[in-house]
């Protein structure tokens, strides 16, 4: 295994996950506030699950996202 290639590829994947996930959450929250489904001061429970094919890896992260 080439550690440099692996590390660069993993970082690229994680950056893409972070950037696209943030955009999607921001859009969903703004839409929900605008539609009146959220007030804008809630704490939203969030969960992210990472799975990787070919590995028996399932990593789950849970936390609250505070709106204000």
PDB file of N, CA and C in Angstrom:
ATOM      1  N   UNK A   1       0.851  -1.176   0.000  1.00  0.00           N
ATOM      2  CA  UNK A   1       0.000   0.000   0.000  1.00  0.00           C
ATOM      3  C   UNK A   1       0.898   1.241   0.000  1.00  0.00           C
ATOM      4  N   UNK A   2       0.515   2.204  -0.816  1.00  0.00           N
ATOM      5  CA  UNK A   2       1.233   3.465  -0.868  1.00  0.00           C
ATOM      6  C   UNK A   2       0.564   4.426   0.106  1.00  0.00           C
ATOM      7  N   UNK A   3       1.224   4.700   1.222  1.00  0.00           N
ATOM      8  CA  UNK A   3       0.654   5.536   2.285  1.00  0.00           C
ATOM      9  C   UNK A   3       0.290   6.937   1.802  1.00  0.00           C
ATOM     10  N   UNK A   4       1.131   7.512   0.940  1.00  0.00           N
ATOM     11  CA  UNK A   4       0.869   8.864   0.453  1.00  0.00           C
ATOM     12  C   UNK A   4      -0.385   8.912  -0.412  1.00  0.00           C
ATOM     13  N   UNK A   5      -0.526   7.950  -1.303  1.00  0.00           N
ATOM     14  CA  UNK A   5      -1.715   7.889  -2.167  1.00  0.00           C
ATOM     15  C   UNK A   5      -2.957   7.648  -1.323  1.00  0.00           C
ATOM     16  N   UNK A   6      -2.877   6.715  -0.394  1.00  0.00           N
ATOM     17  CA  UNK A   6      -4.007   6.400   0.490  1.00  0.00           C
ATOM     18  C   UNK A   6      -4.420   7.623   1.295  1.00  0.00           C
ATOM     19  N   UNK A   7      -3.446   8.294   1.901  1.00  0.00           N
ATOM     20  CA  UNK A   7      -3.737   9.459   2.729  1.00  0.00           C
ATOM     21  C   UNK A   7      -4.367  10.579   1.907  1.00  0.00           C
ATOM     22  N   UNK A   8      -3.847  10.846   0.724  1.00  0.00           N
ATOM     23  CA  UNK A   8      -4.398  11.901  -0.133  1.00  0.00           C
ATOM     24  C   UNK A   8      -5.811  11.565  -0.573  1.00  0.00           C
ATOM     25  N   UNK A   9      -6.048  10.318  -0.930  1.00  0.00           N
ATOM     26  CA  UNK A   9      -7.374   9.897  -1.365  1.00  0.00           C
ATOM     27  C   UNK A   9      -8.388   9.975  -0.228  1.00  0.00           C
ATOM     28  N   UNK A  10      -7.988   9.553   0.950  1.00  0.00           N
ATOM     29  CA  UNK A  10      -8.870   9.608   2.112  1.00  0.00           C
ATOM     30  C   UNK A  10      -9.192  11.054   2.471  1.00  0.00           C
ATOM     31  N   UNK A  11      -8.200  11.920   2.473  1.00  0.00           N
ATOM     32  CA  UNK A  11      -8.435  13.335   2.769  1.00  0.00           C
ATOM     33  C   UNK A  11      -9.376  13.971   1.748  1.00  0.00           C
ATOM     34  N   UNK A  12      -9.209  13.627   0.471  1.00  0.00           N
ATOM     35  CA  UNK A  12     -10.085  14.150  -0.576  1.00  0.00           C
ATOM     36  C   UNK A  12     -11.526  13.705  -0.331  1.00  0.00           C
ATOM     37  N   UNK A  13     -11.706  12.434  -0.012  1.00  0.00           N
ATOM     38  CA  UNK A  13     -13.039  11.907   0.271  1.00  0.00           C
ATOM     39  C   UNK A  13     -13.669  12.619   1.463  1.00  0.00           C
ATOM     40  N   UNK A  14     -12.932  12.740   2.564  1.00  0.00           N
ATOM     41  CA  UNK A  14     -13.465  13.371   3.771  1.00  0.00           C
ATOM     42  C   UNK A  14     -13.776  14.849   3.557  1.00  0.00           C
ATOM     43  N   UNK A  15     -12.961  15.531   2.760  1.00  0.00           N
ATOM     44  CA  UNK A  15     -13.236  16.937   2.449  1.00  0.00           C
ATOM     45  C   UNK A  15     -14.536  17.047   1.664  1.00  0.00           C
ATOM     46  N   UNK A  16     -14.720  16.168   0.686  1.00  0.00           N
ATOM     47  CA  UNK A  16     -15.952  16.174  -0.109  1.00  0.00           C
ATOM     48  C   UNK A  16     -17.164  15.890   0.768  1.00  0.00           C
ATOM     49  N   UNK A  17     -17.047  14.929   1.674  1.00  0.00           N
ATOM     50  CA  UNK A  17     -18.137  14.621   2.601  1.00  0.00           C
ATOM     51  C   UNK A  17     -18.464  15.840   3.448  1.00  0.00           C
ATOM     52  N   UNK A  18     -17.452  16.474   4.004  1.00  0.00           N
ATOM     53  CA  UNK A  18     -17.675  17.621   4.875  1.00  0.00           C
ATOM     54  C   UNK A  18     -18.313  18.795   4.159  1.00  0.00           C
ATOM     55  N   UNK A  19     -17.794  19.139   3.001  1.00  0.00           N
ATOM     56  CA  UNK A  19     -18.294  20.300   2.264  1.00  0.00           C
ATOM     57  C   UNK A  19     -19.712  20.055   1.772  1.00  0.00           C
ATOM     58  N   UNK A  20     -19.957  18.914   1.147  1.00  0.00           N
ATOM     59  CA  UNK A  20     -21.295  18.660   0.603  1.00  0.00           C
ATOM     60  C   UNK A  20     -22.320  18.455   1.714  1.00  0.00           C
ATOM     61  N   UNK A  21     -21.917  17.815   2.797  1.00  0.00           N
ATOM     62  CA  UNK A  21     -22.841  17.622   3.916  1.00  0.00           C
ATOM     63  C   UNK A  21     -23.229  18.963   4.526  1.00  0.00           C
ATOM     64  N   UNK A  22     -22.264  19.848   4.703  1.00  0.00           N
ATOM     65  CA  UNK A  22     -22.563  21.159   5.282  1.00  0.00           C
ATOM     66  C   UNK A  22     -23.545  21.923   4.400  1.00  0.00           C
ATOM     67  N   UNK A  23     -23.323  21.904   3.093  1.00  0.00           N
ATOM     68  CA  UNK A  23     -24.228  22.601   2.174  1.00  0.00           C
ATOM     69  C   UNK A  23     -25.647  22.056   2.266  1.00  0.00           C
ATOM     70  N   UNK A  24     -25.769  20.747   2.295  1.00  0.00           N
ATOM     71  CA  UNK A  24     -27.096  20.117   2.341  1.00  0.00           C
ATOM     72  C   UNK A  24     -27.827  20.427   3.641  1.00  0.00           C
ATOM     73  N   UNK A  25     -27.103  20.390   4.748  1.00  0.00           N
ATOM     74  CA  UNK A  25     -27.723  20.692   6.045  1.00  0.00           C
ATOM     75  C   UNK A  25     -28.144  22.154   6.089  1.00  0.00           C
ATOM     76  N   UNK A  26     -27.266  23.050   5.655  1.00  0.00           N
ATOM     77  CA  UNK A  26     -27.608  24.471   5.656  1.00  0.00           C
ATOM     78  C   UNK A  26     -28.847  24.748   4.812  1.00  0.00           C
ATOM     79  N   UNK A  27     -28.920  24.145   3.637  1.00  0.00           N
ATOM     80  CA  UNK A  27     -30.076  24.344   2.768  1.00  0.00           C
ATOM     81  C   UNK A  27     -31.346  23.806   3.415  1.00  0.00           C
ATOM     82  N   UNK A  28     -31.274  22.613   3.978  1.00  0.00           N
ATOM     83  CA  UNK A  28     -32.451  22.005   4.603  1.00  0.00           C
ATOM     84  C   UNK A  28     -32.935  22.836   5.789  1.00  0.00           C
ATOM     85  N   UNK A  29     -32.011  23.349   6.586  1.00  0.00           N
ATOM     86  CA  UNK A  29     -32.387  24.173   7.744  1.00  0.00           C
ATOM     87  C   UNK A  29     -33.020  25.479   7.277  1.00  0.00           C
ATOM     88  N   UNK A  30     -32.399  26.147   6.318  1.00  0.00           N
ATOM     89  CA  UNK A  30     -32.965  27.411   5.810  1.00  0.00           C
ATOM     90  C   UNK A  30     -34.364  27.195   5.238  1.00  0.00           C
ATOM     91  N   UNK A  31     -34.536  26.128   4.468  1.00  0.00           N
ATOM     92  CA  UNK A  31     -35.849  25.817   3.892  1.00  0.00           C
ATOM     93  C   UNK A  31     -36.881  25.552   4.982  1.00  0.00           C
ATOM     94  N   UNK A  32     -36.484  24.816   6.018  1.00  0.00           N
ATOM     95  CA  UNK A  32     -37.412  24.487   7.108  1.00  0.00           C
ATOM     96  C   UNK A  32     -37.782  25.727   7.910  1.00  0.00           C
ATOM     97  N   UNK A  33     -36.826  26.626   8.131  1.00  0.00           N
ATOM     98  CA  UNK A  33     -37.121  27.871   8.850  1.00  0.00           C
ATOM     99  C   UNK A  33     -38.068  28.725   8.004  1.00  0.00           C
ATOM    100  N   UNK A  34     -37.770  28.842   6.732  1.00  0.00           N
ATOM    101  CA  UNK A  34     -38.594  29.653   5.839  1.00  0.00           C
ATOM    102  C   UNK A  34     -40.015  29.101   5.740  1.00  0.00           C
ATOM    103  N   UNK A  35     -40.158  27.781   5.760  1.00  0.00           N
ATOM    104  CA  UNK A  35     -41.475  27.155   5.656  1.00  0.00           C
ATOM    105  C   UNK A  35     -42.205  27.104   6.992  1.00  0.00           C
ATOM    106  N   UNK A  36     -41.522  27.506   8.078  1.00  0.00           N
ATOM    107  CA  UNK A  36     -42.154  27.511   9.389  1.00  0.00           C
ATOM    108  C   UNK A  36     -42.102  26.183  10.125  1.00  0.00           C
ATOM    109  N   UNK A  37     -41.369  25.220   9.585  1.00  0.00           N
ATOM    110  CA  UNK A  37     -41.240  23.925  10.262  1.00  0.00           C
ATOM    111  C   UNK A  37     -40.250  23.985  11.421  1.00  0.00           C
ATOM    112  N   UNK A  38     -39.348  24.962  11.375  1.00  0.00           N
ATOM    113  CA  UNK A  38     -38.406  25.218  12.463  1.00  0.00           C
ATOM    114  C   UNK A  38     -38.494  26.687  12.833  1.00  0.00           C
ATOM    115  N   UNK A  39     -38.222  26.981  14.098  1.00  0.00           N
ATOM    116  CA  UNK A  39     -38.224  28.367  14.562  1.00  0.00           C
ATOM    117  C   UNK A  39     -36.856  29.015  14.374  1.00  0.00           C
ATOM    118  N   UNK A  40     -35.809  28.196  14.414  1.00  0.00           N
ATOM    119  CA  UNK A  40     -34.460  28.725  14.253  1.00  0.00           C
ATOM    120  C   UNK A  40     -33.655  28.739  15.529  1.00  0.00           C
ATOM    121  N   UNK A  41     -34.235  28.195  16.605  1.00  0.00           N
ATOM    122  CA  UNK A  41     -33.500  28.155  17.876  1.00  0.00           C
ATOM    123  C   UNK A  41     -33.409  26.731  18.426  1.00  0.00           C
ATOM    124  N   UNK A  42     -33.706  25.751  17.589  1.00  0.00           N
ATOM    125  CA  UNK A  42     -33.713  24.354  18.033  1.00  0.00           C
ATOM    126  C   UNK A  42     -32.303  23.761  18.107  1.00  0.00           C
ATOM    127  N   UNK A  43     -32.251  22.611  18.766  1.00  0.00           N
ATOM    128  CA  UNK A  43     -31.100  21.712  18.705  1.00  0.00           C
ATOM    129  C   UNK A  43     -31.595  20.505  17.921  1.00  0.00           C
ATOM    130  N   UNK A  44     -30.928  20.195  16.844  1.00  0.00           N
ATOM    131  CA  UNK A  44     -31.344  19.086  15.994  1.00  0.00           C
ATOM    132  C   UNK A  44     -30.419  17.895  16.201  1.00  0.00           C
ATOM    133  N   UNK A  45     -30.967  16.742  16.552  1.00  0.00           N
ATOM    134  CA  UNK A  45     -30.118  15.559  16.681  1.00  0.00           C
ATOM    135  C   UNK A  45     -29.623  15.133  15.298  1.00  0.00           C
ATOM    136  N   UNK A  46     -28.338  14.864  15.208  1.00  0.00           N
ATOM    137  CA  UNK A  46     -27.745  14.481  13.924  1.00  0.00           C
ATOM    138  C   UNK A  46     -26.948  13.197  14.083  1.00  0.00           C
ATOM    139  N   UNK A  47     -26.920  12.441  12.993  1.00  0.00           N
ATOM    140  CA  UNK A  47     -26.147  11.197  12.994  1.00  0.00           C
ATOM    141  C   UNK A  47     -25.503  11.032  11.624  1.00  0.00           C
ATOM    142  N   UNK A  48     -24.226  10.676  11.611  1.00  0.00           N
ATOM    143  CA  UNK A  48     -23.499  10.391  10.386  1.00  0.00           C
ATOM    144  C   UNK A  48     -22.944   8.976  10.508  1.00  0.00           C
ATOM    145  N   UNK A  49     -23.179   8.176   9.479  1.00  0.00           N
ATOM    146  CA  UNK A  49     -22.674   6.807   9.474  1.00  0.00           C
ATOM    147  C   UNK A  49     -21.731   6.647   8.288  1.00  0.00           C
ATOM    148  N   UNK A  50     -20.535   6.203   8.565  1.00  0.00           N
ATOM    149  CA  UNK A  50     -19.528   5.952   7.537  1.00  0.00           C
ATOM    150  C   UNK A  50     -19.387   4.451   7.356  1.00  0.00           C
ATOM    151  N   UNK A  51     -19.577   3.996   6.135  1.00  0.00           N
ATOM    152  CA  UNK A  51     -19.316   2.590   5.815  1.00  0.00           C
ATOM    153  C   UNK A  51     -18.393   2.563   4.604  1.00  0.00           C
ATOM    154  N   UNK A  52     -17.559   1.557   4.560  1.00  0.00           N
ATOM    155  CA  UNK A  52     -16.625   1.420   3.447  1.00  0.00           C
ATOM    156  C   UNK A  52     -16.710  -0.005   2.918  1.00  0.00           C
ATOM    157  N   UNK A  53     -17.051  -0.114   1.632  1.00  0.00           N
ATOM    158  CA  UNK A  53     -17.136  -1.418   0.989  1.00  0.00           C
ATOM    159  C   UNK A  53     -15.804  -2.143   1.037  1.00  0.00           C
ATOM    160  N   UNK A  54     -15.856  -3.426   1.240  1.00  0.00           N
ATOM    161  CA  UNK A  54     -14.648  -4.230   1.321  1.00  0.00           C
ATOM    162  C   UNK A  54     -14.073  -4.312   2.720  1.00  0.00           C
ATOM    163  N   UNK A  55     -14.617  -3.518   3.628  1.00  0.00           N
ATOM    164  CA  UNK A  55     -14.188  -3.537   5.020  1.00  0.00           C
ATOM    165  C   UNK A  55     -15.410  -3.742   5.895  1.00  0.00           C
ATOM    166  N   UNK A  56     -15.213  -4.338   7.026  1.00  0.00           N
ATOM    167  CA  UNK A  56     -16.333  -4.462   7.966  1.00  0.00           C
ATOM    168  C   UNK A  56     -16.309  -3.244   8.888  1.00  0.00           C
ATOM    169  N   UNK A  57     -16.340  -2.062   8.267  1.00  0.00           N
ATOM    170  CA  UNK A  57     -16.282  -0.813   9.009  1.00  0.00           C
ATOM    171  C   UNK A  57     -17.629  -0.117   8.947  1.00  0.00           C
ATOM    172  N   UNK A  58     -18.152   0.185  10.111  1.00  0.00           N
ATOM    173  CA  UNK A  58     -19.329   1.031  10.228  1.00  0.00           C
ATOM    174  C   UNK A  58     -19.066   1.946  11.415  1.00  0.00           C
ATOM    175  N   UNK A  59     -18.839   3.218  11.130  1.00  0.00           N
ATOM    176  CA  UNK A  59     -18.487   4.192  12.169  1.00  0.00           C
ATOM    177  C   UNK A  59     -19.603   5.219  12.250  1.00  0.00           C
ATOM    178  N   UNK A  60     -20.172   5.396  13.445  1.00  0.00           N
ATOM    179  CA  UNK A  60     -21.303   6.289  13.640  1.00  0.00           C
ATOM    180  C   UNK A  60     -20.923   7.444  14.562  1.00  0.00           C
ATOM    181  N   UNK A  61     -21.311   8.630  14.165  1.00  0.00           N
ATOM    182  CA  UNK A  61     -21.090   9.826  14.968  1.00  0.00           C
ATOM    183  C   UNK A  61     -22.449  10.468  15.209  1.00  0.00           C
ATOM    184  N   UNK A  62     -22.764  10.770  16.464  1.00  0.00           N
ATOM    185  CA  UNK A  62     -24.008  11.455  16.783  1.00  0.00           C
ATOM    186  C   UNK A  62     -23.694  12.696  17.596  1.00  0.00           C
ATOM    187  N   UNK A  63     -24.480  13.722  17.363  1.00  0.00           N
ATOM    188  CA  UNK A  63     -24.320  14.983  18.097  1.00  0.00           C
ATOM    189  C   UNK A  63     -25.537  15.838  17.812  1.00  0.00           C
ATOM    190  N   UNK A  64     -25.633  16.960  18.482  1.00  0.00           N
ATOM    191  CA  UNK A  64     -26.693  17.920  18.215  1.00  0.00           C
ATOM    192  C   UNK A  64     -26.138  19.079  17.414  1.00  0.00           C
ATOM    193  N   UNK A  65     -26.945  19.576  16.489  1.00  0.00           N
ATOM    194  CA  UNK A  65     -26.612  20.782  15.753  1.00  0.00           C
ATOM    195  C   UNK A  65     -27.497  21.891  16.318  1.00  0.00           C
ATOM    196  N   UNK A  66     -26.875  22.901  16.885  1.00  0.00           N
ATOM    197  CA  UNK A  66     -27.605  24.004  17.505  1.00  0.00           C
ATOM    198  C   UNK A  66     -27.834  25.108  16.477  1.00  0.00           C
ATOM    199  N   UNK A  67     -29.073  25.587  16.411  1.00  0.00           N
ATOM    200  CA  UNK A  67     -29.400  26.632  15.453  1.00  0.00           C
ATOM    201  C   UNK A  67     -29.285  28.037  16.041  1.00  0.00           C
ATOM    202  N   UNK A  68     -29.337  28.141  17.352  1.00  0.00           N
ATOM    203  CA  UNK A  68     -29.187  29.474  17.905  1.00  0.00           C
ATOM    204  C   UNK A  68     -29.833  29.688  19.217  1.00  0.00           C
TER     205      UNK A  68
END
